[in-house]
Amino acid sequence: MRSYLPSALLVTVVIGLWELIVRVFAVPAYLFPPPSLVVQALQDHAATLAQHFGITMLESVLGFGMGSLLGIVLATVFFHVRAVKESTYPLAIAIESTPTVALAPLLILWFGNGIWAKVAASALLCFFPVLVGCMKGFNAVPPEAVDLFNSMGGSKAHIFTKLRFPHSLPYLFAALKVASSLAVIGAIVGEFAGADKGLGYVIVTSGYLLETPTMFAAILLTSVGGMLFFGLVALLDKKILHWHCAED
């Protein structure tokens, strides 16, 4: 708990200054609501916001899972088949370099206005960090370890499953932490492009109606969702790779 104390104090100070400045300078609530109004909006729309929060997190989890699996599979294929890597890796870079907000309308057109367009947007943001992390981990194995496996008659399959993949796990979990936050961003961007539910939908409609406290409440829940997701992946990292975390 002591490690979180400085952050908690900083957040408390920022919220206090925010409330004070807005009150002293009489800033209109539709421009910049004080924290007290944001909390009030959370209370007034708790049930509705909880429903939209659940939908966005479902999209994020599904997108995270699909994108991460795609990244691991592609990294494995790229590592073993150089021709596929040379021909496909530039395409993966091009897709990742294209802003998701530009691709989101296409995803809505292809997958419809339901959940799967948002899952696809989330997966697009997730797969590339996992792909890069896995490839880095596969290639980071010490040559002497590979030589040892070869001297003991280990096949390529044994070297990959018993040496390269376990050695890549710290790199993989580092990438998964990044992807966990990107998953929520991708789902929100997909909801911006077209949705009738989810926190992105709440943010857009609240902006149209100038219900800024509700918009801030939805943005806050988005941040909370991303932090919870990141924390869950970090917890799995510590549980699964406790030996590596202990070395850190």
C-alpha atoms as a PDB file:
ATOM      1  CA  MET A   1       0.000   0.000   0.000  1.00  0.00           C
ATOM      2  CA  ARG A   2       2.891   2.366   0.675  1.00  0.00           C
ATOM      3  CA  SER A   3       3.917   2.241  -2.990  1.00  0.00           C
ATOM      4  CA  TYR A   4       0.487   3.596  -3.982  1.00  0.00           C
ATOM      5  CA  LEU A   5       0.437   6.365  -1.369  1.00  0.00           C
ATOM      6  CA  PRO A   6       2.266   9.026  -3.483  1.00  0.00           C
ATOM      7  CA  SER A   7      -0.091   8.422  -6.412  1.00  0.00           C
ATOM      8  CA  ALA A   8      -3.131   8.607  -4.154  1.00  0.00           C
ATOM      9  CA  LEU A   9      -1.915  11.885  -2.641  1.00  0.00           C
ATOM     10  CA  LEU A  10      -1.237  13.355  -6.086  1.00  0.00           C
ATOM     11  CA  VAL A  11      -4.693  12.378  -7.356  1.00  0.00           C
ATOM     12  CA  THR A  12      -6.288  13.873  -4.239  1.00  0.00           C
ATOM     13  CA  VAL A  13      -4.426  17.155  -4.707  1.00  0.00           C
ATOM     14  CA  VAL A  14      -5.330  17.340  -8.403  1.00  0.00           C
ATOM     15  CA  ILE A  15      -9.018  16.683  -7.698  1.00  0.00           C
ATOM     16  CA  GLY A  16      -9.036  19.284  -4.924  1.00  0.00           C
ATOM     17  CA  LEU A  17      -7.421  21.920  -7.142  1.00  0.00           C
ATOM     18  CA  TRP A  18      -9.777  21.037  -9.972  1.00  0.00           C
ATOM     19  CA  GLU A  19     -12.833  21.540  -7.761  1.00  0.00           C
ATOM     20  CA  LEU A  20     -11.441  24.757  -6.300  1.00  0.00           C
ATOM     21  CA  ILE A  21     -10.473  26.362  -9.617  1.00  0.00           C
ATOM     22  CA  VAL A  22     -13.793  25.539 -11.270  1.00  0.00           C
ATOM     23  CA  ARG A  23     -15.736  26.947  -8.322  1.00  0.00           C
ATOM     24  CA  VAL A  24     -13.613  30.096  -7.896  1.00  0.00           C
ATOM     25  CA  PHE A  25     -13.670  31.058 -11.564  1.00  0.00           C
ATOM     26  CA  ALA A  26     -17.313  29.981 -12.027  1.00  0.00           C
ATOM     27  CA  VAL A  27     -16.548  27.796 -15.048  1.00  0.00           C
ATOM     28  CA  PRO A  28     -19.808  26.584 -16.636  1.00  0.00           C
ATOM     29  CA  ALA A  29     -20.468  22.912 -16.014  1.00  0.00           C
ATOM     30  CA  TYR A  30     -21.029  22.228 -19.712  1.00  0.00           C
ATOM     31  CA  LEU A  31     -17.460  23.376 -20.392  1.00  0.00           C
ATOM     32  CA  PHE A  32     -15.573  21.851 -17.472  1.00  0.00           C
ATOM     33  CA  PRO A  33     -17.601  20.292 -14.668  1.00  0.00           C
ATOM     34  CA  PRO A  34     -16.170  20.022 -11.137  1.00  0.00           C
ATOM     35  CA  PRO A  35     -15.430  16.554  -9.752  1.00  0.00           C
ATOM     36  CA  SER A  36     -18.470  16.769  -7.494  1.00  0.00           C
ATOM     37  CA  LEU A  37     -20.781  16.939 -10.541  1.00  0.00           C
ATOM     38  CA  VAL A  38     -18.945  14.053 -12.177  1.00  0.00           C
ATOM     39  CA  VAL A  39     -19.479  11.953  -9.051  1.00  0.00           C
ATOM     40  CA  GLN A  40     -23.132  13.024  -9.045  1.00  0.00           C
ATOM     41  CA  ALA A  41     -23.465  11.889 -12.668  1.00  0.00           C
ATOM     42  CA  LEU A  42     -21.938   8.546 -11.725  1.00  0.00           C
ATOM     43  CA  GLN A  43     -24.520   8.146  -8.993  1.00  0.00           C
ATOM     44  CA  ASP A  44     -27.485   9.318 -11.078  1.00  0.00           C
ATOM     45  CA  HIS A  45     -26.676   7.072 -14.038  1.00  0.00           C
ATOM     46  CA  ALA A  46     -24.987   4.223 -12.167  1.00  0.00           C
ATOM     47  CA  ALA A  47     -27.084   1.411 -13.643  1.00  0.00           C
ATOM     48  CA  THR A  48     -26.873   2.680 -17.216  1.00  0.00           C
ATOM     49  CA  LEU A  49     -23.153   3.420 -17.022  1.00  0.00           C
ATOM     50  CA  ALA A  50     -22.488  -0.005 -15.488  1.00  0.00           C
ATOM     51  CA  GLN A  51     -24.270  -1.651 -18.418  1.00  0.00           C
ATOM     52  CA  HIS A  52     -22.306   0.332 -20.991  1.00  0.00           C
ATOM     53  CA  PHE A  53     -19.083  -0.321 -19.045  1.00  0.00           C
ATOM     54  CA  GLY A  54     -19.711  -4.054 -19.169  1.00  0.00           C
ATOM     55  CA  ILE A  55     -20.277  -3.955 -22.933  1.00  0.00           C
ATOM     56  CA  THR A  56     -17.081  -1.998 -23.583  1.00  0.00           C
ATOM     57  CA  MET A  57     -15.032  -4.307 -21.377  1.00  0.00           C
ATOM     58  CA  LEU A  58     -16.487  -7.376 -23.100  1.00  0.00           C
ATOM     59  CA  GLU A  59     -15.437  -5.937 -26.457  1.00  0.00           C
ATOM     60  CA  SER A  60     -11.995  -5.159 -25.024  1.00  0.00           C
ATOM     61  CA  VAL A  61     -11.485  -8.643 -23.582  1.00  0.00           C
ATOM     62  CA  LEU A  62     -12.553 -10.353 -26.803  1.00  0.00           C
ATOM     63  CA  GLY A  63     -10.398  -8.021 -28.904  1.00  0.00           C
ATOM     64  CA  PHE A  64      -7.462  -8.534 -26.565  1.00  0.00           C
ATOM     65  CA  GLY A  65      -7.784 -12.304 -26.759  1.00  0.00           C
ATOM     66  CA  MET A  66      -8.162 -12.438 -30.533  1.00  0.00           C
ATOM     67  CA  GLY A  67      -5.436  -9.865 -31.206  1.00  0.00           C
ATOM     68  CA  SER A  68      -2.985 -11.499 -28.798  1.00  0.00           C
ATOM     69  CA  LEU A  69      -3.601 -14.958 -30.248  1.00  0.00           C
ATOM     70  CA  LEU A  70      -3.116 -13.591 -33.763  1.00  0.00           C
ATOM     71  CA  GLY A  71       0.135 -11.921 -32.700  1.00  0.00           C
ATOM     72  CA  ILE A  72       1.515 -15.122 -31.136  1.00  0.00           C
ATOM     73  CA  VAL A  73       0.560 -17.256 -34.148  1.00  0.00           C
ATOM     74  CA  LEU A  74       2.021 -14.780 -36.643  1.00  0.00           C
ATOM     75  CA  ALA A  75       5.236 -14.467 -34.622  1.00  0.00           C
ATOM     76  CA  THR A  76       5.597 -18.257 -34.605  1.00  0.00           C
ATOM     77  CA  VAL A  77       5.026 -18.459 -38.358  1.00  0.00           C
ATOM     78  CA  PHE A  78       7.379 -15.552 -39.059  1.00  0.00           C
ATOM     79  CA  PHE A  79      10.117 -17.153 -36.968  1.00  0.00           C
ATOM     80  CA  HIS A  80       9.941 -20.509 -38.743  1.00  0.00           C
ATOM     81  CA  VAL A  81       9.150 -19.378 -42.313  1.00  0.00           C
ATOM     82  CA  ARG A  82      11.345 -16.491 -43.361  1.00  0.00           C
ATOM     83  CA  ALA A  83       9.614 -16.053 -46.734  1.00  0.00           C
ATOM     84  CA  VAL A  84       6.291 -15.454 -44.996  1.00  0.00           C
ATOM     85  CA  LYS A  85       7.887 -12.920 -42.679  1.00  0.00           C
ATOM     86  CA  GLU A  86       9.527 -10.986 -45.496  1.00  0.00           C
ATOM     87  CA  SER A  87       6.292 -10.829 -47.476  1.00  0.00           C
ATOM     88  CA  THR A  88       3.794 -10.276 -44.640  1.00  0.00           C
ATOM     89  CA  TYR A  89       5.610  -8.280 -41.961  1.00  0.00           C
ATOM     90  CA  PRO A  90       5.555  -5.024 -43.984  1.00  0.00           C
ATOM     91  CA  LEU A  91       1.792  -5.469 -44.374  1.00  0.00           C
ATOM     92  CA  ALA A  92       1.425  -5.867 -40.604  1.00  0.00           C
ATOM     93  CA  ILE A  93       3.413  -2.670 -40.084  1.00  0.00           C
ATOM     94  CA  ALA A  94       1.243  -0.856 -42.616  1.00  0.00           C
ATOM     95  CA  ILE A  95      -1.958  -1.966 -40.878  1.00  0.00           C
ATOM     96  CA  GLU A  96      -0.638  -0.928 -37.471  1.00  0.00           C
ATOM     97  CA  SER A  97       0.525   2.423 -38.853  1.00  0.00           C
ATOM     98  CA  THR A  98      -2.953   3.220 -40.158  1.00  0.00           C
ATOM     99  CA  PRO A  99      -4.979   5.102 -37.518  1.00  0.00           C
ATOM    100  CA  THR A 100      -7.719   2.901 -36.121  1.00  0.00           C
ATOM    101  CA  VAL A 101     -10.137   5.814 -36.311  1.00  0.00           C
ATOM    102  CA  ALA A 102      -9.690   5.699 -40.106  1.00  0.00           C
ATOM    103  CA  LEU A 103     -10.316   1.946 -40.267  1.00  0.00           C
ATOM    104  CA  ALA A 104     -13.248   1.926 -37.839  1.00  0.00           C
ATOM    105  CA  PRO A 105     -15.878   3.047 -40.401  1.00  0.00           C
ATOM    106  CA  LEU A 106     -14.746   0.211 -42.699  1.00  0.00           C
ATOM    107  CA  LEU A 107     -15.059  -2.266 -39.847  1.00  0.00           C
ATOM    108  CA  ILE A 108     -18.589  -1.021 -39.177  1.00  0.00           C
ATOM    109  CA  LEU A 109     -19.365  -1.487 -42.881  1.00  0.00           C
ATOM    110  CA  TRP A 110     -17.929  -5.019 -42.948  1.00  0.00           C
ATOM    111  CA  PHE A 111     -19.057  -6.357 -39.564  1.00  0.00           C
ATOM    112  CA  GLY A 112     -22.166  -4.262 -38.954  1.00  0.00           C
ATOM    113  CA  ASN A 113     -23.084  -2.053 -36.033  1.00  0.00           C
ATOM    114  CA  GLY A 114     -22.867  -4.833 -33.455  1.00  0.00           C
ATOM    115  CA  ILE A 115     -20.167  -5.949 -31.099  1.00  0.00           C
ATOM    116  CA  TRP A 116     -17.841  -7.606 -33.619  1.00  0.00           C
ATOM    117  CA  ALA A 117     -16.775  -4.404 -35.367  1.00  0.00           C
ATOM    118  CA  LYS A 118     -15.550  -3.082 -32.009  1.00  0.00           C
ATOM    119  CA  VAL A 119     -13.849  -6.378 -31.228  1.00  0.00           C
ATOM    120  CA  ALA A 120     -12.056  -6.177 -34.587  1.00  0.00           C
ATOM    121  CA  ALA A 121     -10.929  -2.593 -33.886  1.00  0.00           C
ATOM    122  CA  SER A 122      -9.623  -3.686 -30.490  1.00  0.00           C
ATOM    123  CA  ALA A 123      -7.830  -6.707 -31.960  1.00  0.00           C
ATOM    124  CA  LEU A 124      -6.148  -4.559 -34.629  1.00  0.00           C
ATOM    125  CA  LEU A 125      -4.527  -2.444 -31.930  1.00  0.00           C
ATOM    126  CA  CYS A 126      -3.517  -5.449 -29.817  1.00  0.00           C
ATOM    127  CA  PHE A 127      -1.900  -7.837 -32.257  1.00  0.00           C
ATOM    128  CA  PHE A 128       1.149  -5.798 -33.294  1.00  0.00           C
ATOM    129  CA  PRO A 129       2.744  -5.266 -29.832  1.00  0.00           C
ATOM    130  CA  VAL A 130       2.282  -8.973 -29.115  1.00  0.00           C
ATOM    131  CA  LEU A 131       3.748  -9.869 -32.508  1.00  0.00           C
ATOM    132  CA  VAL A 132       6.837  -7.725 -31.934  1.00  0.00           C
ATOM    133  CA  GLY A 133       7.257  -8.896 -28.330  1.00  0.00           C
ATOM    134  CA  CYS A 134       7.093 -12.578 -29.284  1.00  0.00           C
ATOM    135  CA  MET A 135       9.531 -12.173 -32.154  1.00  0.00           C
ATOM    136  CA  LYS A 136      11.926 -10.349 -29.862  1.00  0.00           C
ATOM    137  CA  GLY A 137      11.642 -13.108 -27.268  1.00  0.00           C
ATOM    138  CA  PHE A 138      12.138 -15.919 -29.786  1.00  0.00           C
ATOM    139  CA  ASN A 139      15.340 -14.322 -31.055  1.00  0.00           C
ATOM    140  CA  ALA A 140      16.707 -13.410 -27.619  1.00  0.00           C
ATOM    141  CA  VAL A 141      17.652 -16.967 -26.651  1.00  0.00           C
ATOM    142  CA  PRO A 142      21.421 -17.257 -25.924  1.00  0.00           C
ATOM    143  CA  PRO A 143      23.193 -19.178 -28.723  1.00  0.00           C
ATOM    144  CA  GLU A 144      24.942 -21.414 -26.185  1.00  0.00           C
ATOM    145  CA  ALA A 145      21.542 -22.602 -24.917  1.00  0.00           C
ATOM    146  CA  VAL A 146      20.539 -23.570 -28.450  1.00  0.00           C
ATOM    147  CA  ASP A 147      23.891 -25.323 -28.911  1.00  0.00           C
ATOM    148  CA  LEU A 148      23.288 -27.280 -25.702  1.00  0.00           C
ATOM    149  CA  PHE A 149      19.892 -28.483 -26.932  1.00  0.00           C
ATOM    150  CA  ASN A 150      21.399 -29.424 -30.303  1.00  0.00           C
ATOM    151  CA  SER A 151      24.205 -31.366 -28.622  1.00  0.00           C
ATOM    152  CA  MET A 152      21.616 -33.350 -26.676  1.00  0.00           C
ATOM    153  CA  GLY A 153      19.753 -34.266 -29.853  1.00  0.00           C
ATOM    154  CA  GLY A 154      16.889 -31.804 -29.447  1.00  0.00           C
ATOM    155  CA  SER A 155      14.674 -31.297 -32.502  1.00  0.00           C
ATOM    156  CA  LYS A 156      13.535 -27.906 -33.760  1.00  0.00           C
ATOM    157  CA  ALA A 157      10.149 -28.542 -32.171  1.00  0.00           C
ATOM    158  CA  HIS A 158      11.753 -29.343 -28.807  1.00  0.00           C
ATOM    159  CA  ILE A 159      13.975 -26.270 -28.986  1.00  0.00           C
ATOM    160  CA  PHE A 160      10.992 -24.070 -29.724  1.00  0.00           C
ATOM    161  CA  THR A 161       8.597 -25.496 -27.132  1.00  0.00           C
ATOM    162  CA  LYS A 162      11.120 -26.164 -24.352  1.00  0.00           C
ATOM    163  CA  LEU A 163      13.500 -23.243 -24.872  1.00  0.00           C
ATOM    164  CA  ARG A 164      12.433 -20.425 -27.163  1.00  0.00           C
ATOM    165  CA  PHE A 165       8.794 -20.082 -26.129  1.00  0.00           C
ATOM    166  CA  PRO A 166       9.447 -20.197 -22.341  1.00  0.00           C
ATOM    167  CA  HIS A 167      12.314 -17.745 -22.806  1.00  0.00           C
ATOM    168  CA  SER A 168       9.987 -15.376 -24.690  1.00  0.00           C
ATOM    169  CA  LEU A 169       7.370 -15.200 -21.908  1.00  0.00           C
ATOM    170  CA  PRO A 170       8.812 -12.092 -20.180  1.00  0.00           C
ATOM    171  CA  TYR A 171       8.785 -10.309 -23.549  1.00  0.00           C
ATOM    172  CA  LEU A 172       5.295 -11.622 -24.260  1.00  0.00           C
ATOM    173  CA  PHE A 173       3.841 -10.395 -20.966  1.00  0.00           C
ATOM    174  CA  ALA A 174       5.473  -6.996 -21.431  1.00  0.00           C
ATOM    175  CA  ALA A 175       3.675  -6.781 -24.781  1.00  0.00           C
ATOM    176  CA  LEU A 176       0.417  -8.043 -23.269  1.00  0.00           C
ATOM    177  CA  LYS A 177       0.498  -5.219 -20.718  1.00  0.00           C
ATOM    178  CA  VAL A 178       0.697  -2.703 -23.536  1.00  0.00           C
ATOM    179  CA  ALA A 179      -2.001  -4.532 -25.484  1.00  0.00           C
ATOM    180  CA  SER A 180      -4.366  -4.580 -22.493  1.00  0.00           C
ATOM    181  CA  SER A 181      -4.602  -0.787 -22.506  1.00  0.00           C
ATOM    182  CA  LEU A 182      -4.771  -0.607 -26.291  1.00  0.00           C
ATOM    183  CA  ALA A 183      -7.670  -3.078 -26.262  1.00  0.00           C
ATOM    184  CA  VAL A 184      -9.887  -0.611 -24.407  1.00  0.00           C
ATOM    185  CA  ILE A 185      -8.823   2.223 -26.713  1.00  0.00           C
ATOM    186  CA  GLY A 186      -9.676   0.138 -29.771  1.00  0.00           C
ATOM    187  CA  ALA A 187     -13.129  -0.720 -28.435  1.00  0.00           C
ATOM    188  CA  ILE A 188     -13.859   2.942 -27.682  1.00  0.00           C
ATOM    189  CA  VAL A 189     -12.700   4.051 -31.143  1.00  0.00           C
ATOM    190  CA  GLY A 190     -14.953   1.417 -32.696  1.00  0.00           C
ATOM    191  CA  GLU A 191     -17.884   2.719 -30.659  1.00  0.00           C
ATOM    192  CA  PHE A 192     -17.121   6.248 -31.806  1.00  0.00           C
ATOM    193  CA  ALA A 193     -17.536   5.134 -35.421  1.00  0.00           C
ATOM    194  CA  GLY A 194     -20.959   3.628 -34.857  1.00  0.00           C
ATOM    195  CA  ALA A 195     -22.670   2.100 -31.849  1.00  0.00           C
ATOM    196  CA  ASP A 196     -25.827   2.199 -29.788  1.00  0.00           C
ATOM    197  CA  LYS A 197     -24.198   0.995 -26.582  1.00  0.00           C
ATOM    198  CA  GLY A 198     -20.867   1.110 -24.791  1.00  0.00           C
ATOM    199  CA  LEU A 199     -18.890   3.886 -23.111  1.00  0.00           C
ATOM    200  CA  GLY A 200     -17.830   5.328 -26.473  1.00  0.00           C
ATOM    201  CA  TYR A 201     -21.499   5.698 -27.367  1.00  0.00           C
ATOM    202  CA  VAL A 202     -22.138   7.453 -24.034  1.00  0.00           C
ATOM    203  CA  ILE A 203     -19.240   9.855 -24.639  1.00  0.00           C
ATOM    204  CA  VAL A 204     -20.474  10.752 -28.134  1.00  0.00           C
ATOM    205  CA  THR A 205     -24.134  11.217 -27.190  1.00  0.00           C
ATOM    206  CA  SER A 206     -23.253  13.156 -24.039  1.00  0.00           C
ATOM    207  CA  GLY A 207     -21.163  15.515 -26.154  1.00  0.00           C
ATOM    208  CA  TYR A 208     -24.046  16.123 -28.540  1.00  0.00           C
ATOM    209  CA  LEU A 209     -26.381  16.854 -25.626  1.00  0.00           C
ATOM    210  CA  LEU A 210     -23.805  18.967 -23.719  1.00  0.00           C
ATOM    211  CA  GLU A 211     -24.125  16.621 -20.744  1.00  0.00           C
ATOM    212  CA  THR A 212     -20.475  17.114 -19.912  1.00  0.00           C
ATOM    213  CA  PRO A 213     -20.556  15.620 -16.378  1.00  0.00           C
ATOM    214  CA  THR A 214     -21.896  12.371 -17.846  1.00  0.00           C
ATOM    215  CA  MET A 215     -19.210  12.508 -20.531  1.00  0.00           C
ATOM    216  CA  PHE A 216     -16.519  12.908 -17.876  1.00  0.00           C
ATOM    217  CA  ALA A 217     -18.036  10.025 -15.918  1.00  0.00           C
ATOM    218  CA  ALA A 218     -17.838   7.773 -18.992  1.00  0.00           C
ATOM    219  CA  ILE A 219     -14.244   8.864 -19.662  1.00  0.00           C
ATOM    220  CA  LEU A 220     -13.379   8.099 -16.038  1.00  0.00           C
ATOM    221  CA  LEU A 221     -14.877   4.616 -16.347  1.00  0.00           C
ATOM    222  CA  THR A 222     -12.863   4.072 -19.521  1.00  0.00           C
ATOM    223  CA  SER A 223      -9.675   4.863 -17.617  1.00  0.00           C
ATOM    224  CA  VAL A 224     -10.719   2.616 -14.745  1.00  0.00           C
ATOM    225  CA  GLY A 225     -11.403  -0.221 -17.163  1.00  0.00           C
ATOM    226  CA  GLY A 226      -7.997   0.145 -18.777  1.00  0.00           C
ATOM    227  CA  MET A 227      -6.266   0.234 -15.383  1.00  0.00           C
ATOM    228  CA  LEU A 228      -8.125  -2.854 -14.180  1.00  0.00           C
ATOM    229  CA  PHE A 229      -7.264  -4.722 -17.358  1.00  0.00           C
ATOM    230  CA  PHE A 230      -3.608  -3.741 -17.091  1.00  0.00           C
ATOM    231  CA  GLY A 231      -3.565  -4.719 -13.420  1.00  0.00           C
ATOM    232  CA  LEU A 232      -5.029  -8.143 -14.199  1.00  0.00           C
ATOM    233  CA  VAL A 233      -2.372  -8.841 -16.839  1.00  0.00           C
ATOM    234  CA  ALA A 234       0.350  -7.591 -14.477  1.00  0.00           C
ATOM    235  CA  LEU A 235      -0.981  -9.922 -11.758  1.00  0.00           C
ATOM    236  CA  LEU A 236      -0.877 -12.871 -14.147  1.00  0.00           C
ATOM    237  CA  ASP A 237       2.664 -11.854 -15.061  1.00  0.00           C
ATOM    238  CA  LYS A 238       3.718 -12.013 -11.397  1.00  0.00           C
ATOM    239  CA  LYS A 239       1.920 -15.306 -10.777  1.00  0.00           C
ATOM    240  CA  ILE A 240       3.181 -17.101 -13.875  1.00  0.00           C
ATOM    241  CA  LEU A 241       6.649 -15.547 -14.083  1.00  0.00           C
ATOM    242  CA  HIS A 242       7.322 -15.180 -10.366  1.00  0.00           C
ATOM    243  CA  TRP A 243      10.934 -16.215 -10.927  1.00  0.00           C
ATOM    244  CA  HIS A 244      11.462 -13.423 -13.429  1.00  0.00           C
ATOM    245  CA  CYS A 245       9.652 -10.815 -11.284  1.00  0.00           C
ATOM    246  CA  ALA A 246      11.808 -11.823  -8.330  1.00  0.00           C
ATOM    247  CA  GLU A 247      14.912 -11.138 -10.400  1.00  0.00           C
ATOM    248  CA  ASP A 248      13.537  -7.698 -11.332  1.00  0.00           C
END
